[in-house]
Amino acid sequence: GMRKFARPDVSIVNVPPEAVDAAGELALRFVAFQCAGGIVEEGREVEV
């Protein structure tokens, strides 16, 4: 759905079962950031 906002969608791979909720929250944070107009640069480091 991020194409509505002229932004790429989010893909998080290799997520262990116990981290699925945390990965979902991280995806939602990126959704909100990009909907607000933010841009995720190539190579941007994400710490959890």
All heavy atoms as atom14 arrays in JSON, in Angstrom:
{
  "sequence": "GMRKFARPDVSIVNVPPEAVDAAGELALRFVAFQCAGGIVEEGREVEV",
  "atom14_mask": [
    [1, 1, 1, 1, 0, 0, 0, 0, 0, 0, 0, 0, 0, 0],
    [1, 1, 1, 1, 1, 1, 1, 1, 0, 0, 0, 0, 0, 0],
    [1, 1, 1, 1, 1, 1, 1, 1, 1, 1, 1, 0, 0, 0],
    [1, 1, 1, 1, 1, 1, 1, 1, 1, 0, 0, 0, 0, 0],
    [1, 1, 1, 1, 1, 1, 1, 1, 1, 1, 1, 0, 0, 0],
    [1, 1, 1, 1, 1, 0, 0, 0, 0, 0, 0, 0, 0, 0],
    [1, 1, 1, 1, 1, 1, 1, 1, 1, 1, 1, 0, 0, 0],
    [1, 1, 1, 1, 1, 1, 1, 0, 0, 0, 0, 0, 0, 0],
    [1, 1, 1, 1, 1, 1, 1, 1, 0, 0, 0, 0, 0, 0],
    [1, 1, 1, 1, 1, 1, 1, 0, 0, 0, 0, 0, 0, 0],
    [1, 1, 1, 1, 1, 1, 0, 0, 0, 0, 0, 0, 0, 0],
    [1, 1, 1, 1, 1, 1, 1, 1, 0, 0, 0, 0, 0, 0],
    [1, 1, 1, 1, 1, 1, 1, 0, 0, 0, 0, 0, 0, 0],
    [1, 1, 1, 1, 1, 1, 1, 1, 0, 0, 0, 0, 0, 0],
    [1, 1, 1, 1, 1, 1, 1, 0, 0, 0, 0, 0, 0, 0],
    [1, 1, 1, 1, 1, 1, 1, 0, 0, 0, 0, 0, 0, 0],
    [1, 1, 1, 1, 1, 1, 1, 0, 0, 0, 0, 0, 0, 0],
    [1, 1, 1, 1, 1, 1, 1, 1, 1, 0, 0, 0, 0, 0],
    [1, 1, 1, 1, 1, 0, 0, 0, 0, 0, 0, 0, 0, 0],
    [1, 1, 1, 1, 1, 1, 1, 0, 0, 0, 0, 0, 0, 0],
    [1, 1, 1, 1, 1, 1, 1, 1, 0, 0, 0, 0, 0, 0],
    [1, 1, 1, 1, 1, 0, 0, 0, 0, 0, 0, 0, 0, 0],
    [1, 1, 1, 1, 1, 0, 0, 0, 0, 0, 0, 0, 0, 0],
    [1, 1, 1, 1, 0, 0, 0, 0, 0, 0, 0, 0, 0, 0],
    [1, 1, 1, 1, 1, 1, 1, 1, 1, 0, 0, 0, 0, 0],
    [1, 1, 1, 1, 1, 1, 1, 1, 0, 0, 0, 0, 0, 0],
    [1, 1, 1, 1, 1, 0, 0, 0, 0, 0, 0, 0, 0, 0],
    [1, 1, 1, 1, 1, 1, 1, 1, 0, 0, 0, 0, 0, 0],
    [1, 1, 1, 1, 1, 1, 1, 1, 1, 1, 1, 0, 0, 0],
    [1, 1, 1, 1, 1, 1, 1, 1, 1, 1, 1, 0, 0, 0],
    [1, 1, 1, 1, 1, 1, 1, 0, 0, 0, 0, 0, 0, 0],
    [1, 1, 1, 1, 1, 0, 0, 0, 0, 0, 0, 0, 0, 0],
    [1, 1, 1, 1, 1, 1, 1, 1, 1, 1, 1, 0, 0, 0],
    [1, 1, 1, 1, 1, 1, 1, 1, 1, 0, 0, 0, 0, 0],
    [1, 1, 1, 1, 1, 1, 0, 0, 0, 0, 0, 0, 0, 0],
    [1, 1, 1, 1, 1, 0, 0, 0, 0, 0, 0, 0, 0, 0],
    [1, 1, 1, 1, 0, 0, 0, 0, 0, 0, 0, 0, 0, 0],
    [1, 1, 1, 1, 0, 0, 0, 0, 0, 0, 0, 0, 0, 0],
    [1, 1, 1, 1, 1, 1, 1, 1, 0, 0, 0, 0, 0, 0],
    [1, 1, 1, 1, 1, 1, 1, 0, 0, 0, 0, 0, 0, 0],
    [1, 1, 1, 1, 1, 1, 1, 1, 1, 0, 0, 0, 0, 0],
    [1, 1, 1, 1, 1, 1, 1, 1, 1, 0, 0, 0, 0, 0],
    [1, 1, 1, 1, 0, 0, 0, 0, 0, 0, 0, 0, 0, 0],
    [1, 1, 1, 1, 1, 1, 1, 1, 1, 1, 1, 0, 0, 0],
    [1, 1, 1, 1, 1, 1, 1, 1, 1, 0, 0, 0, 0, 0],
    [1, 1, 1, 1, 1, 1, 1, 0, 0, 0, 0, 0, 0, 0],
    [1, 1, 1, 1, 1, 1, 1, 1, 1, 0, 0, 0, 0, 0],
    [1, 1, 1, 1, 1, 1, 1, 0, 0, 0, 0, 0, 0, 0]
  ],
  "atom14_positions": [
    [[0.78, -1.23, 0.0], [0.0, 0.0, 0.0], [0.81, 1.28, 0.0], [0.25, 2.36, -0.17], [0.0, 0.0, 0.0], [0.0, 0.0, 0.0], [0.0, 0.0, 0.0], [0.0, 0.0, 0.0], [0.0, 0.0, 0.0], [0.0, 0.0, 0.0], [0.0, 0.0, 0.0], [0.0, 0.0, 0.0], [0.0, 0.0, 0.0], [0.0, 0.0, 0.0]],
    [[2.13, 1.19, 0.15], [2.93, 2.41, 0.23], [3.04, 3.14, -1.11], [3.45, 4.29, -1.15], [4.32, 2.1, 0.77], [4.38, 1.74, 2.25], [3.64, 2.98, 3.34], [4.55, 4.44, 2.91], [0.0, 0.0, 0.0], [0.0, 0.0, 0.0], [0.0, 0.0, 0.0], [0.0, 0.0, 0.0], [0.0, 0.0, 0.0], [0.0, 0.0, 0.0]],
    [[2.65, 2.48, -2.18], [2.69, 3.15, -3.48], [1.71, 4.32, -3.52], [1.89, 5.26, -4.31], [2.35, 2.14, -4.58], [2.72, 2.6, -5.99], [2.48, 1.47, -6.98], [2.6, 1.93, -8.35], [2.15, 1.24, -9.39], [1.57, 0.06, -9.2], [2.28, 1.71, -10.61], [0.0, 0.0, 0.0], [0.0, 0.0, 0.0], [0.0, 0.0, 0.0]],
    [[0.68, 4.3, -2.68], [-0.23, 5.45, -2.58], [0.5, 6.71, -2.15], [0.02, 7.82, -2.38], [-1.31, 5.19, -1.53], [-2.27, 4.07, -1.81], [-3.18, 3.91, -0.6], [-3.97, 2.64, -0.68], [-4.68, 2.37, 0.59], [0.0, 0.0, 0.0], [0.0, 0.0, 0.0], [0.0, 0.0, 0.0], [0.0, 0.0, 0.0], [0.0, 0.0, 0.0]],
    [[1.63, 6.52, -1.49], [2.35, 7.65, -0.89], [3.67, 7.93, -1.62], [4.51, 8.66, -1.1], [2.61, 7.35, 0.59], [1.34, 6.99, 1.34], [0.99, 5.67, 1.54], [0.49, 7.98, 1.77], [-0.18, 5.34, 2.2], [-0.69, 7.67, 2.43], [-1.03, 6.35, 2.64], [0.0, 0.0, 0.0], [0.0, 0.0, 0.0], [0.0, 0.0, 0.0]],
    [[3.84, 7.32, -2.8], [5.06, 7.49, -3.6], [6.29, 7.05, -2.81], [7.36, 7.68, -2.88], [5.21, 8.93, -4.07], [0.0, 0.0, 0.0], [0.0, 0.0, 0.0], [0.0, 0.0, 0.0], [0.0, 0.0, 0.0], [0.0, 0.0, 0.0], [0.0, 0.0, 0.0], [0.0, 0.0, 0.0], [0.0, 0.0, 0.0], [0.0, 0.0, 0.0]],
    [[6.12, 5.97, -2.05], [7.2, 5.44, -1.23], [7.27, 3.92, -1.4], [6.27, 3.27, -1.7], [6.98, 5.77, 0.26], [7.05, 7.25, 0.61], [8.44, 7.8, 0.46], [8.55, 9.21, 0.86], [8.38, 10.24, 0.05], [8.1, 10.04, -1.24], [8.51, 11.48, 0.48], [0.0, 0.0, 0.0], [0.0, 0.0, 0.0], [0.0, 0.0, 0.0]],
    [[8.45, 3.33, -1.18], [8.57, 1.88, -1.27], [7.91, 1.17, -0.1], [7.79, 1.73, 1.0], [10.09, 1.66, -1.27], [10.63, 2.83, -0.51], [9.73, 3.98, -0.86], [0.0, 0.0, 0.0], [0.0, 0.0, 0.0], [0.0, 0.0, 0.0], [0.0, 0.0, 0.0], [0.0, 0.0, 0.0], [0.0, 0.0, 0.0], [0.0, 0.0, 0.0]],
    [[7.5, -0.07, -0.34], [7.01, -0.88, 0.76], [8.17, -1.41, 1.59], [9.34, -1.25, 1.22], [6.14, -2.02, 0.22], [4.69, -1.57, 0.03], [4.0, -1.39, 1.05], [4.26, -1.38, -1.12], [0.0, 0.0, 0.0], [0.0, 0.0, 0.0], [0.0, 0.0, 0.0], [0.0, 0.0, 0.0], [0.0, 0.0, 0.0], [0.0, 0.0, 0.0]],
    [[7.84, -2.02, 2.71], [8.82, -2.49, 3.69], [8.84, -4.01, 3.68], [7.78, -4.65, 3.73], [8.47, -1.99, 5.1], [9.56, -2.39, 6.1], [8.25, -0.48, 5.11], [0.0, 0.0, 0.0], [0.0, 0.0, 0.0], [0.0, 0.0, 0.0], [0.0, 0.0, 0.0], [0.0, 0.0, 0.0], [0.0, 0.0, 0.0], [0.0, 0.0, 0.0]],
    [[10.02, -4.59, 3.65], [10.18, -6.04, 3.71], [11.23, -6.37, 4.76], [12.37, -5.89, 4.68], [10.62, -6.58, 2.34], [10.85, -7.97, 2.38], [0.0, 0.0, 0.0], [0.0, 0.0, 0.0], [0.0, 0.0, 0.0], [0.0, 0.0, 0.0], [0.0, 0.0, 0.0], [0.0, 0.0, 0.0], [0.0, 0.0, 0.0], [0.0, 0.0, 0.0]],
    [[10.85, -7.17, 5.75], [11.78, -7.59, 6.8], [11.86, -9.11, 6.76], [10.86, -9.8, 7.01], [11.34, -7.1, 8.19], [11.06, -5.59, 8.17], [12.4, -7.43, 9.24], [10.49, -5.05, 9.49], [0.0, 0.0, 0.0], [0.0, 0.0, 0.0], [0.0, 0.0, 0.0], [0.0, 0.0, 0.0], [0.0, 0.0, 0.0], [0.0, 0.0, 0.0]],
    [[13.02, -9.64, 6.42], [13.18, -11.08, 6.25], [14.0, -11.67, 7.4], [14.61, -10.95, 8.19], [13.85, -11.39, 4.9], [13.01, -10.86, 3.75], [15.26, -10.79, 4.82], [0.0, 0.0, 0.0], [0.0, 0.0, 0.0], [0.0, 0.0, 0.0], [0.0, 0.0, 0.0], [0.0, 0.0, 0.0], [0.0, 0.0, 0.0], [0.0, 0.0, 0.0]],
    [[13.98, -13.02, 7.47], [14.78, -13.76, 8.45], [14.37, -13.42, 9.9], [15.21, -13.4, 10.8], [16.27, -13.48, 8.24], [17.17, -14.45, 9.01], [16.94, -15.65, 9.0], [18.17, -13.92, 9.69], [0.0, 0.0, 0.0], [0.0, 0.0, 0.0], [0.0, 0.0, 0.0], [0.0, 0.0, 0.0], [0.0, 0.0, 0.0], [0.0, 0.0, 0.0]],
    [[13.09, -13.2, 10.11], [12.61, -12.8, 11.44], [12.35, -14.05, 12.29], [11.54, -14.9, 11.91], [11.32, -11.97, 11.34], [10.84, -11.56, 12.74], [11.53, -10.75, 10.45], [0.0, 0.0, 0.0], [0.0, 0.0, 0.0], [0.0, 0.0, 0.0], [0.0, 0.0, 0.0], [0.0, 0.0, 0.0], [0.0, 0.0, 0.0], [0.0, 0.0, 0.0]],
    [[13.01, -14.2, 13.46], [12.72, -15.35, 14.32], [11.32, -15.25, 14.9], [10.79, -14.14, 15.06], [13.79, -15.26, 15.41], [14.25, -13.84, 15.39], [14.07, -13.34, 14.0], [0.0, 0.0, 0.0], [0.0, 0.0, 0.0], [0.0, 0.0, 0.0], [0.0, 0.0, 0.0], [0.0, 0.0, 0.0], [0.0, 0.0, 0.0], [0.0, 0.0, 0.0]],
    [[10.68, -16.38, 15.19], [9.29, -16.35, 15.67], [9.07, -15.43, 16.87], [8.05, -14.73, 16.95], [9.02, -17.81, 16.03], [9.95, -18.6, 15.17], [11.19, -17.76, 15.05], [0.0, 0.0, 0.0], [0.0, 0.0, 0.0], [0.0, 0.0, 0.0], [0.0, 0.0, 0.0], [0.0, 0.0, 0.0], [0.0, 0.0, 0.0], [0.0, 0.0, 0.0]],
    [[10.03, -15.39, 17.77], [9.85, -14.57, 18.97], [9.98, -13.08, 18.69], [9.66, -12.24, 19.55], [10.87, -14.98, 20.05], [12.32, -14.69, 19.71], [13.0, -15.81, 18.91], [12.28, -16.71, 18.41], [14.24, -15.77, 18.78], [0.0, 0.0, 0.0], [0.0, 0.0, 0.0], [0.0, 0.0, 0.0], [0.0, 0.0, 0.0], [0.0, 0.0, 0.0]],
    [[10.42, -12.72, 17.48], [10.61, -11.31, 17.14], [9.57, -10.78, 16.16], [9.67, -9.64, 15.71], [12.01, -11.1, 16.57], [0.0, 0.0, 0.0], [0.0, 0.0, 0.0], [0.0, 0.0, 0.0], [0.0, 0.0, 0.0], [0.0, 0.0, 0.0], [0.0, 0.0, 0.0], [0.0, 0.0, 0.0], [0.0, 0.0, 0.0], [0.0, 0.0, 0.0]],
    [[8.55, -11.59, 15.84], [7.56, -11.18, 14.85], [6.85, -9.9, 15.27], [6.66, -8.98, 14.46], [6.56, -12.32, 14.58], [5.31, -11.79, 13.87], [7.22, -13.41, 13.75], [0.0, 0.0, 0.0], [0.0, 0.0, 0.0], [0.0, 0.0, 0.0], [0.0, 0.0, 0.0], [0.0, 0.0, 0.0], [0.0, 0.0, 0.0], [0.0, 0.0, 0.0]],
    [[6.45, -9.8, 16.54], [5.76, -8.59, 16.99], [6.67, -7.37, 16.88], [6.23, -6.29, 16.45], [5.29, -8.75, 18.43], [4.1, -9.7, 18.56], [3.49, -10.02, 17.52], [3.8, -10.12, 19.69], [0.0, 0.0, 0.0], [0.0, 0.0, 0.0], [0.0, 0.0, 0.0], [0.0, 0.0, 0.0], [0.0, 0.0, 0.0], [0.0, 0.0, 0.0]],
    [[7.93, -7.53, 17.25], [8.87, -6.4, 17.15], [9.09, -6.0, 15.7], [9.17, -4.81, 15.38], [10.2, -6.79, 17.8], [0.0, 0.0, 0.0], [0.0, 0.0, 0.0], [0.0, 0.0, 0.0], [0.0, 0.0, 0.0], [0.0, 0.0, 0.0], [0.0, 0.0, 0.0], [0.0, 0.0, 0.0], [0.0, 0.0, 0.0], [0.0, 0.0, 0.0]],
    [[9.15, -6.98, 14.8], [9.31, -6.67, 13.39], [8.07, -5.96, 12.84], [8.18, -5.03, 12.03], [9.57, -7.95, 12.6], [0.0, 0.0, 0.0], [0.0, 0.0, 0.0], [0.0, 0.0, 0.0], [0.0, 0.0, 0.0], [0.0, 0.0, 0.0], [0.0, 0.0, 0.0], [0.0, 0.0, 0.0], [0.0, 0.0, 0.0], [0.0, 0.0, 0.0]],
    [[6.89, -6.38, 13.3], [5.66, -5.7, 12.88], [5.63, -4.26, 13.35], [5.22, -3.36, 12.61], [0.0, 0.0, 0.0], [0.0, 0.0, 0.0], [0.0, 0.0, 0.0], [0.0, 0.0, 0.0], [0.0, 0.0, 0.0], [0.0, 0.0, 0.0], [0.0, 0.0, 0.0], [0.0, 0.0, 0.0], [0.0, 0.0, 0.0], [0.0, 0.0, 0.0]],
    [[6.08, -4.02, 14.57], [6.13, -2.66, 15.09], [7.14, -1.82, 14.31], [6.9, -0.63, 14.03], [6.49, -2.68, 16.57], [5.4, -3.26, 17.46], [5.84, -3.4, 18.9], [6.98, -2.98, 19.22], [5.06, -3.94, 19.72], [0.0, 0.0, 0.0], [0.0, 0.0, 0.0], [0.0, 0.0, 0.0], [0.0, 0.0, 0.0], [0.0, 0.0, 0.0]],
    [[8.26, -2.43, 13.94], [9.27, -1.72, 13.15], [8.71, -1.36, 11.78], [8.88, -0.23, 11.29], [10.52, -2.59, 13.0], [11.66, -2.01, 12.17], [12.18, -0.71, 12.8], [12.79, -3.04, 12.04], [0.0, 0.0, 0.0], [0.0, 0.0, 0.0], [0.0, 0.0, 0.0], [0.0, 0.0, 0.0], [0.0, 0.0, 0.0], [0.0, 0.0, 0.0]],
    [[8.0, -2.31, 11.15], [7.39, -2.03, 9.85], [6.4, -0.89, 9.96], [6.36, 0.01, 9.1], [6.71, -3.29, 9.31], [0.0, 0.0, 0.0], [0.0, 0.0, 0.0], [0.0, 0.0, 0.0], [0.0, 0.0, 0.0], [0.0, 0.0, 0.0], [0.0, 0.0, 0.0], [0.0, 0.0, 0.0], [0.0, 0.0, 0.0], [0.0, 0.0, 0.0]],
    [[5.6, -0.88, 11.02], [4.61, 0.18, 11.2], [5.28, 1.53, 11.4], [4.79, 2.56, 10.9], [3.7, -0.15, 12.38], [2.57, 0.83, 12.66], [1.68, 1.02, 11.44], [1.73, 0.37, 13.85], [0.0, 0.0, 0.0], [0.0, 0.0, 0.0], [0.0, 0.0, 0.0], [0.0, 0.0, 0.0], [0.0, 0.0, 0.0], [0.0, 0.0, 0.0]],
    [[6.4, 1.56, 12.1], [7.15, 2.81, 12.28], [7.62, 3.35, 10.94], [7.53, 4.56, 10.68], [8.33, 2.59, 13.21], [7.96, 2.57, 14.7], [9.07, 2.04, 15.57], [10.38, 2.57, 15.23], [11.54, 2.01, 15.6], [11.53, 0.89, 16.3], [12.69, 2.56, 15.28], [0.0, 0.0, 0.0], [0.0, 0.0, 0.0], [0.0, 0.0, 0.0]],
    [[8.1, 2.46, 10.07], [8.54, 2.91, 8.75], [7.35, 3.34, 7.89], [7.47, 4.28, 7.09], [9.33, 1.81, 8.04], [10.79, 1.81, 8.41], [11.34, 0.73, 9.09], [11.6, 2.87, 8.07], [12.68, 0.73, 9.43], [12.94, 2.88, 8.41], [13.49, 1.8, 9.1], [0.0, 0.0, 0.0], [0.0, 0.0, 0.0], [0.0, 0.0, 0.0]],
    [[6.22, 2.66, 8.05], [5.01, 3.08, 7.33], [4.64, 4.5, 7.73], [4.41, 5.38, 6.88], [3.85, 2.11, 7.62], [2.5, 2.72, 7.22], [4.06, 0.79, 6.9], [0.0, 0.0, 0.0], [0.0, 0.0, 0.0], [0.0, 0.0, 0.0], [0.0, 0.0, 0.0], [0.0, 0.0, 0.0], [0.0, 0.0, 0.0], [0.0, 0.0, 0.0]],
    [[4.58, 4.77, 9.04], [4.19, 6.09, 9.52], [5.2, 7.15, 9.08], [4.82, 8.26, 8.67], [4.08, 6.07, 11.04], [0.0, 0.0, 0.0], [0.0, 0.0, 0.0], [0.0, 0.0, 0.0], [0.0, 0.0, 0.0], [0.0, 0.0, 0.0], [0.0, 0.0, 0.0], [0.0, 0.0, 0.0], [0.0, 0.0, 0.0], [0.0, 0.0, 0.0]],
    [[6.49, 6.82, 9.14], [7.54, 7.76, 8.75], [7.42, 8.13, 7.27], [7.49, 9.3, 6.89], [8.91, 7.13, 9.04], [10.09, 7.9, 8.52], [10.43, 9.13, 9.07], [10.85, 7.4, 7.48], [11.53, 9.84, 8.6], [11.95, 8.1, 6.99], [12.29, 9.32, 7.55], [0.0, 0.0, 0.0], [0.0, 0.0, 0.0], [0.0, 0.0, 0.0]],
    [[7.19, 7.13, 6.43], [7.09, 7.39, 5.0], [5.77, 8.07, 4.62], [5.74, 8.93, 3.75], [7.26, 6.09, 4.21], [8.67, 5.52, 4.31], [8.88, 4.42, 3.29], [9.64, 4.59, 2.35], [8.2, 3.3, 3.46], [0.0, 0.0, 0.0], [0.0, 0.0, 0.0], [0.0, 0.0, 0.0], [0.0, 0.0, 0.0], [0.0, 0.0, 0.0]],
    [[4.69, 7.69, 5.29], [3.42, 8.39, 5.04], [3.56, 9.87, 5.38], [2.96, 10.73, 4.72], [2.28, 7.77, 5.85], [1.71, 6.17, 5.24], [0.0, 0.0, 0.0], [0.0, 0.0, 0.0], [0.0, 0.0, 0.0], [0.0, 0.0, 0.0], [0.0, 0.0, 0.0], [0.0, 0.0, 0.0], [0.0, 0.0, 0.0], [0.0, 0.0, 0.0]],
    [[4.37, 10.16, 6.41], [4.61, 11.55, 6.8], [5.58, 12.25, 5.86], [5.89, 13.42, 6.05], [5.14, 11.61, 8.23], [0.0, 0.0, 0.0], [0.0, 0.0, 0.0], [0.0, 0.0, 0.0], [0.0, 0.0, 0.0], [0.0, 0.0, 0.0], [0.0, 0.0, 0.0], [0.0, 0.0, 0.0], [0.0, 0.0, 0.0], [0.0, 0.0, 0.0]],
    [[6.04, 11.53, 4.83], [6.89, 12.14, 3.82], [8.36, 11.81, 3.93], [9.16, 12.26, 3.11], [0.0, 0.0, 0.0], [0.0, 0.0, 0.0], [0.0, 0.0, 0.0], [0.0, 0.0, 0.0], [0.0, 0.0, 0.0], [0.0, 0.0, 0.0], [0.0, 0.0, 0.0], [0.0, 0.0, 0.0], [0.0, 0.0, 0.0], [0.0, 0.0, 0.0]],
    [[8.74, 11.05, 4.96], [10.14, 10.71, 5.13], [10.66, 9.78, 4.05], [9.89, 9.06, 3.4], [0.0, 0.0, 0.0], [0.0, 0.0, 0.0], [0.0, 0.0, 0.0], [0.0, 0.0, 0.0], [0.0, 0.0, 0.0], [0.0, 0.0, 0.0], [0.0, 0.0, 0.0], [0.0, 0.0, 0.0], [0.0, 0.0, 0.0], [0.0, 0.0, 0.0]],
    [[11.97, 9.77, 3.86], [12.62, 8.94, 2.85], [13.66, 8.06, 3.54], [14.48, 8.54, 4.33], [13.28, 9.81, 1.76], [12.21, 10.55, 0.95], [14.15, 8.96, 0.84], [12.77, 11.52, -0.07], [0.0, 0.0, 0.0], [0.0, 0.0, 0.0], [0.0, 0.0, 0.0], [0.0, 0.0, 0.0], [0.0, 0.0, 0.0], [0.0, 0.0, 0.0]],
    [[13.6, 6.76, 3.23], [14.58, 5.81, 3.76], [15.67, 5.64, 2.71], [15.44, 5.1, 1.63], [13.91, 4.45, 4.07], [14.95, 3.46, 4.58], [12.79, 4.63, 5.08], [0.0, 0.0, 0.0], [0.0, 0.0, 0.0], [0.0, 0.0, 0.0], [0.0, 0.0, 0.0], [0.0, 0.0, 0.0], [0.0, 0.0, 0.0], [0.0, 0.0, 0.0]],
    [[16.86, 6.08, 3.03], [17.96, 6.07, 2.06], [18.55, 4.67, 1.92], [18.52, 3.86, 2.85], [19.06, 7.04, 2.49], [18.62, 8.47, 2.71], [18.08, 8.71, 4.12], [18.02, 7.74, 4.93], [17.71, 9.87, 4.4], [0.0, 0.0, 0.0], [0.0, 0.0, 0.0], [0.0, 0.0, 0.0], [0.0, 0.0, 0.0], [0.0, 0.0, 0.0]],
    [[19.1, 4.39, 0.75], [19.83, 3.14, 0.53], [20.96, 3.02, 1.54], [21.72, 3.97, 1.78], [20.39, 3.12, -0.89], [21.31, 1.95, -1.21], [20.57, 0.61, -1.26], [19.33, 0.61, -1.41], [21.25, -0.43, -1.17], [0.0, 0.0, 0.0], [0.0, 0.0, 0.0], [0.0, 0.0, 0.0], [0.0, 0.0, 0.0], [0.0, 0.0, 0.0]],
    [[21.05, 1.85, 2.17], [22.1, 1.6, 3.14], [21.85, 2.15, 4.52], [22.71, 2.01, 5.4], [0.0, 0.0, 0.0], [0.0, 0.0, 0.0], [0.0, 0.0, 0.0], [0.0, 0.0, 0.0], [0.0, 0.0, 0.0], [0.0, 0.0, 0.0], [0.0, 0.0, 0.0], [0.0, 0.0, 0.0], [0.0, 0.0, 0.0], [0.0, 0.0, 0.0]],
    [[20.7, 2.75, 4.73], [20.41, 3.32, 6.05], [20.46, 2.23, 7.11], [19.86, 1.16, 6.98], [19.03, 3.97, 6.05], [18.61, 4.52, 7.41], [17.34, 5.3, 7.31], [16.89, 5.82, 8.59], [15.9, 6.68, 8.73], [15.27, 7.15, 7.67], [15.53, 7.1, 9.92], [0.0, 0.0, 0.0], [0.0, 0.0, 0.0], [0.0, 0.0, 0.0]],
    [[21.17, 2.48, 8.19], [21.29, 1.5, 9.27], [20.11, 1.65, 10.24], [19.77, 2.76, 10.64], [22.61, 1.64, 10.01], [22.81, 0.55, 11.06], [24.19, 0.54, 11.67], [24.98, 1.47, 11.38], [24.49, -0.4, 12.44], [0.0, 0.0, 0.0], [0.0, 0.0, 0.0], [0.0, 0.0, 0.0], [0.0, 0.0, 0.0], [0.0, 0.0, 0.0]],
    [[19.54, 0.51, 10.6], [18.4, 0.48, 11.51], [18.79, -0.34, 12.72], [19.16, -1.52, 12.6], [17.16, -0.14, 10.83], [15.99, -0.18, 11.8], [16.8, 0.64, 9.57], [0.0, 0.0, 0.0], [0.0, 0.0, 0.0], [0.0, 0.0, 0.0], [0.0, 0.0, 0.0], [0.0, 0.0, 0.0], [0.0, 0.0, 0.0], [0.0, 0.0, 0.0]],
    [[18.75, 0.25, 13.88], [19.09, -0.45, 15.11], [17.82, -0.75, 15.89], [16.9, 0.07, 15.96], [20.05, 0.38, 15.96], [21.4, 0.62, 15.28], [22.37, 1.38, 16.16], [21.94, 1.84, 17.25], [23.54, 1.53, 15.77], [0.0, 0.0, 0.0], [0.0, 0.0, 0.0], [0.0, 0.0, 0.0], [0.0, 0.0, 0.0], [0.0, 0.0, 0.0]],
    [[17.77, -1.93, 16.48], [16.63, -2.36, 17.28], [17.15, -2.73, 18.66], [18.14, -3.48, 18.79], [15.91, -3.57, 16.64], [14.77, -4.05, 17.52], [15.4, -3.19, 15.25], [0.0, 0.0, 0.0], [0.0, 0.0, 0.0], [0.0, 0.0, 0.0], [0.0, 0.0, 0.0], [0.0, 0.0, 0.0], [0.0, 0.0, 0.0], [0.0, 0.0, 0.0]]
  ]
}
